[in-house]
């Protein structure tokens, strides 16, 4: 009896341990948690906004200005700068129902009726190799999945992300350059006119006529020339 009780106790403990381990494994391998861990490893910080579905996910870190997308439940991730985000589109059966693009007004959602196909959110980036990323939020057959949203709920969730992308684009847009201040033009200096010299009074003519300059008498041949003053008394022959 004691051996049987001990065996049953061990079986109960083993079953509890297996159940706990299985539950922990399911919790740890949950798709959303795996993508969150992958984003944390890539971004080095927890994602501020995250959306995942069908093994794919998209997330943002506003503190680091980064956007990240994931495939295969986080096995492969691709990181973009938020400035590389161009816009987002809400697709229902391949038709664009709503969108938000950088530099243009948001196109709001007008019809919320689900279609017969899939509901997807497409993120568009400024990248030549991987220009877009499509996240399928609902597809035919998802109604059999546990906790799967309905097509209408998937459309509403995608519409909320369109609004979020619009806010991100508006905040990430570079500020408009300030209007260049017009250079201050110094006023042209007033022309400087040189003062005209004062008119000099004209010299008045003497009231009398000056006597003509004296003429020298030609010297006699062989005689030395001499100078004299006008009306020299010693001159016996004054100049007429």
Protein backbone atom coordinates (compact mmCIF):
# COMPACT_ATOMS: atom_id res chain seq x y z
CA UNK A 1 0.00 0.00 0.00
CA UNK A 2 2.78 2.37 0.87
CA UNK A 3 4.53 1.62 -2.43
CA UNK A 4 1.35 2.26 -4.38
CA UNK A 5 0.72 5.57 -2.67
CA UNK A 6 4.29 6.64 -3.22
CA UNK A 7 4.05 5.72 -6.91
CA UNK A 8 0.83 7.64 -7.34
CA UNK A 9 2.38 10.65 -5.63
CA UNK A 10 5.35 10.54 -7.97
CA UNK A 11 3.09 10.25 -10.98
CA UNK A 12 1.07 13.24 -9.82
CA UNK A 13 4.22 15.29 -9.32
CA UNK A 14 5.58 14.28 -12.71
CA UNK A 15 2.32 15.16 -14.39
CA UNK A 16 2.27 18.54 -12.70
CA UNK A 17 5.85 19.22 -13.74
CA UNK A 18 5.18 18.22 -17.33
CA UNK A 19 2.05 20.35 -17.44
CA UNK A 20 3.94 23.32 -16.00
CA UNK A 21 6.82 22.85 -18.43
CA UNK A 22 4.46 22.56 -21.36
CA UNK A 23 2.59 25.68 -20.32
CA UNK A 24 5.85 27.56 -19.87
CA UNK A 25 7.02 26.45 -23.31
CA UNK A 26 3.78 27.54 -24.91
CA UNK A 27 3.96 30.88 -23.11
CA UNK A 28 7.61 31.37 -24.03
CA UNK A 29 7.12 30.34 -27.69
CA UNK A 30 4.06 32.49 -28.17
CA UNK A 31 4.27 34.31 -31.47
CA UNK A 32 3.74 37.78 -30.06
CA UNK A 33 6.31 37.25 -27.29
CA UNK A 34 8.90 35.88 -29.70
CA UNK A 35 8.54 38.94 -31.90
CA UNK A 36 8.76 41.22 -28.86
CA UNK A 37 11.99 39.52 -27.76
CA UNK A 38 13.40 39.80 -31.27
CA UNK A 39 12.57 43.51 -31.38
CA UNK A 40 14.14 44.03 -27.95
CA UNK A 41 17.34 42.34 -29.11
CA UNK A 42 17.47 44.43 -32.27
CA UNK A 43 16.42 47.79 -30.84
CA UNK A 44 18.22 47.30 -27.48
CA UNK A 45 15.07 48.72 -25.86
CA UNK A 46 11.46 47.48 -25.71
CA UNK A 47 9.34 48.54 -28.67
CA UNK A 48 7.05 51.48 -27.95
CA UNK A 49 4.44 50.32 -30.50
CA UNK A 50 4.13 46.81 -31.92
CA UNK A 51 1.72 44.93 -34.16
CA UNK A 52 2.09 41.25 -35.02
CA UNK A 53 0.02 38.70 -36.92
CA UNK A 54 0.62 35.48 -38.81
CA UNK A 55 4.30 35.25 -37.92
CA UNK A 56 5.15 38.83 -38.92
CA UNK A 57 5.39 42.04 -36.98
CA UNK A 58 6.20 45.73 -37.14
CA UNK A 59 7.36 47.92 -34.27
CA UNK A 60 8.72 51.36 -33.46
CA UNK A 61 11.15 52.77 -30.93
CA UNK A 62 10.56 56.50 -30.63
CA UNK A 63 13.45 57.01 -28.23
CA UNK A 64 15.90 55.66 -30.84
CA UNK A 65 13.96 56.83 -33.93
CA UNK A 66 13.95 53.32 -35.40
CA UNK A 67 11.39 51.10 -37.11
CA UNK A 68 11.75 47.31 -37.31
CA UNK A 69 9.90 44.61 -39.22
CA UNK A 70 10.10 40.85 -38.62
CA UNK A 71 9.42 37.64 -40.51
CA UNK A 72 9.16 34.03 -39.32
CA UNK A 73 8.14 34.96 -35.75
CA UNK A 74 11.16 37.19 -35.28
CA UNK A 75 13.76 34.89 -36.84
CA UNK A 76 14.64 37.60 -39.34
CA UNK A 77 14.38 41.32 -38.65
CA UNK A 78 15.08 44.41 -40.69
CA UNK A 79 15.70 47.81 -39.14
CA UNK A 80 14.92 51.19 -40.71
CA UNK A 81 15.28 54.75 -39.53
CA UNK A 82 11.94 56.41 -38.87
CA UNK A 83 12.93 59.06 -41.43
CA UNK A 84 12.86 56.29 -44.05
CA UNK A 85 9.17 55.60 -43.43
CA UNK A 86 7.25 56.91 -46.44
CA UNK A 87 3.71 55.84 -45.58
CA UNK A 88 1.23 53.05 -44.93
CA UNK A 89 -1.78 51.57 -46.70
CA UNK A 90 -4.79 49.57 -45.51
CA UNK A 91 -5.61 46.87 -48.07
CA UNK A 92 -8.86 44.92 -48.22
CA UNK A 93 -8.94 42.34 -51.00
CA UNK A 94 -6.09 44.23 -52.68
CA UNK A 95 -7.99 47.52 -52.64
CA UNK A 96 -6.53 50.53 -50.82
CA UNK A 97 -9.19 51.63 -48.31
CA UNK A 98 -7.09 54.14 -46.37
CA UNK A 99 -3.55 55.46 -46.49
CA UNK A 100 -1.16 58.02 -45.08
CA UNK A 101 1.87 59.29 -46.98
CA UNK A 102 4.58 61.74 -46.15
CA UNK A 103 3.87 65.18 -47.53
CA UNK A 104 0.18 64.63 -48.28
CA UNK A 105 -3.09 64.56 -46.42
CA UNK A 106 -4.38 61.35 -44.91
CA UNK A 107 -6.95 59.38 -46.87
CA UNK A 108 -9.44 58.27 -44.19
CA UNK A 109 -11.25 54.96 -44.10
CA UNK A 110 -14.70 55.30 -45.67
CA UNK A 111 -15.92 51.70 -45.91
CA UNK A 112 -15.54 49.31 -43.00
CA UNK A 113 -17.33 46.38 -44.60
CA UNK A 114 -14.99 43.40 -44.84
CA UNK A 115 -14.37 41.64 -48.12
CA UNK A 116 -13.98 38.00 -48.97
CA UNK A 117 -10.20 38.05 -49.07
CA UNK A 118 -7.52 39.25 -46.70
CA UNK A 119 -7.00 42.39 -44.66
CA UNK A 120 -3.42 43.67 -44.73
CA UNK A 121 -1.36 46.63 -43.59
CA UNK A 122 1.43 47.66 -45.94
CA UNK A 123 4.32 49.76 -44.67
CA UNK A 124 6.31 51.63 -47.32
CA UNK A 125 9.95 52.63 -46.77
CA UNK A 126 12.51 54.64 -48.69
CA UNK A 127 14.72 51.64 -49.40
CA UNK A 128 15.73 50.29 -52.80
CA UNK A 129 16.12 46.66 -51.71
CA UNK A 130 13.15 46.28 -49.33
CA UNK A 131 10.76 49.11 -50.20
CA UNK A 132 7.66 47.68 -48.50
CA UNK A 133 6.48 45.28 -45.84
CA UNK A 134 3.03 43.69 -45.83
CA UNK A 135 1.47 42.42 -42.64
CA UNK A 136 -1.61 40.23 -43.11
CA UNK A 137 -4.01 40.85 -40.24
CA UNK A 138 -6.72 38.50 -41.42
CA UNK A 139 -6.96 35.87 -44.13
CA UNK A 140 -9.49 33.18 -45.01
CA UNK A 141 -9.11 30.32 -42.55
CA UNK A 142 -8.12 32.54 -39.59
CA UNK A 143 -11.57 32.13 -38.10
CA UNK A 144 -10.51 28.67 -36.95
CA UNK A 145 -7.54 30.05 -35.02
CA UNK A 146 -7.71 30.69 -31.33
CA UNK A 147 -8.19 34.32 -30.36
CA UNK A 148 -8.17 35.33 -34.04
CA UNK A 149 -9.80 38.71 -34.73
CA UNK A 150 -12.73 39.08 -37.05
CA UNK A 151 -12.30 40.82 -40.43
CA UNK A 152 -14.04 43.93 -39.11
CA UNK A 153 -11.74 44.04 -36.06
CA UNK A 154 -8.71 43.60 -38.33
CA UNK A 155 -9.83 46.55 -40.46
CA UNK A 156 -10.29 48.75 -37.38
CA UNK A 157 -6.86 47.78 -36.05
CA UNK A 158 -5.25 48.57 -39.39
CA UNK A 159 -7.05 51.91 -39.47
CA UNK A 160 -5.64 52.78 -36.05
CA UNK A 161 -2.18 52.05 -37.35
CA UNK A 162 -2.78 54.32 -40.33
CA UNK A 163 -3.52 57.11 -37.85
CA UNK A 164 -0.39 56.19 -35.88
CA UNK A 165 1.76 56.28 -39.01
CA UNK A 166 0.32 59.68 -39.90
CA UNK A 167 1.34 61.00 -36.48
CA UNK A 168 4.82 59.49 -36.84
CA UNK A 169 5.28 61.05 -40.27
CA UNK A 170 4.13 64.42 -39.02
CA UNK A 171 6.52 64.37 -36.08
CA UNK A 172 9.42 62.95 -38.09
CA UNK A 173 9.14 65.51 -40.88
CA UNK A 174 12.11 67.87 -40.97
CA UNK A 175 11.28 71.36 -39.75
CA UNK A 176 10.59 73.93 -42.37
CA UNK A 177 13.58 76.16 -43.00
CA UNK A 178 13.16 79.54 -41.43
CA UNK A 179 12.73 82.39 -43.83
CA UNK A 180 16.10 83.89 -44.54
CA UNK A 181 16.38 87.33 -43.05
CA UNK A 182 16.86 89.91 -45.73
CA UNK A 183 20.28 91.51 -45.40
CA UNK A 184 20.22 94.98 -44.05
CA UNK A 185 21.20 97.30 -46.84
CA UNK A 186 22.99 100.37 -45.63
CA UNK A 187 21.45 103.51 -47.03
CA UNK A 188 23.45 105.04 -49.80
CA UNK A 189 25.56 107.86 -48.47
CA UNK A 190 24.38 111.28 -49.40
CA UNK A 191 26.51 112.80 -52.12
CA UNK A 192 29.11 115.11 -50.73
CA UNK A 193 29.52 118.28 -52.72
CA UNK A 194 32.83 120.06 -52.48
CA UNK A 195 32.46 123.54 -51.25
CA UNK A 196 33.09 125.97 -54.00
CA UNK A 197 36.00 128.22 -53.26
CA UNK A 198 35.00 131.67 -52.32
CA UNK A 199 35.23 134.05 -55.16
CA UNK A 200 38.41 136.05 -54.94
CA UNK A 201 37.93 139.76 -55.38
CA UNK A 202 39.29 140.92 -58.65
CA UNK A 203 42.37 143.03 -58.38
CA UNK A 204 41.53 146.59 -59.04
CA UNK A 205 43.49 148.34 -61.73
CA UNK A 206 45.73 151.07 -60.40
CA UNK A 207 44.26 154.53 -60.89
CA UNK A 208 47.26 155.58 -62.92
CA UNK A 209 49.26 154.06 -65.66
CA UNK A 210 52.59 152.65 -64.67
CA UNK A 211 55.48 154.18 -66.48
CA UNK A 212 56.86 152.07 -69.22
CA UNK A 213 59.92 150.03 -68.49
CA UNK A 214 63.13 151.85 -69.28
CA UNK A 215 64.89 151.02 -72.47
CA UNK A 216 68.61 150.48 -72.54
CA UNK A 217 70.65 152.58 -74.89
CA UNK A 218 72.69 150.58 -77.29
CA UNK A 219 76.27 150.56 -76.23
CA UNK A 220 78.82 152.18 -78.38
CA UNK A 221 81.11 149.88 -80.22
CA UNK A 222 83.84 148.67 -77.89
CA UNK A 223 82.20 150.14 -74.78
CA UNK A 224 81.12 148.04 -71.86
CA UNK A 225 77.39 147.97 -71.19
CA UNK A 226 76.21 149.47 -67.96
CA UNK A 227 72.99 149.57 -66.08
CA UNK A 228 71.39 152.51 -64.53
CA UNK A 229 68.27 153.80 -62.97
CA UNK A 230 65.70 155.86 -64.65
CA UNK A 231 66.45 159.55 -64.47
CA UNK A 232 69.97 159.02 -63.24
CA UNK A 233 71.39 162.43 -62.52
CA UNK A 234 74.86 161.38 -63.49
CA UNK A 235 73.63 160.36 -66.88
CA UNK A 236 74.22 163.33 -69.13
CA UNK A 237 71.87 162.00 -71.69
CA UNK A 238 68.71 160.60 -70.05
CA UNK A 239 66.64 158.24 -72.02
CA UNK A 240 63.82 160.12 -73.69
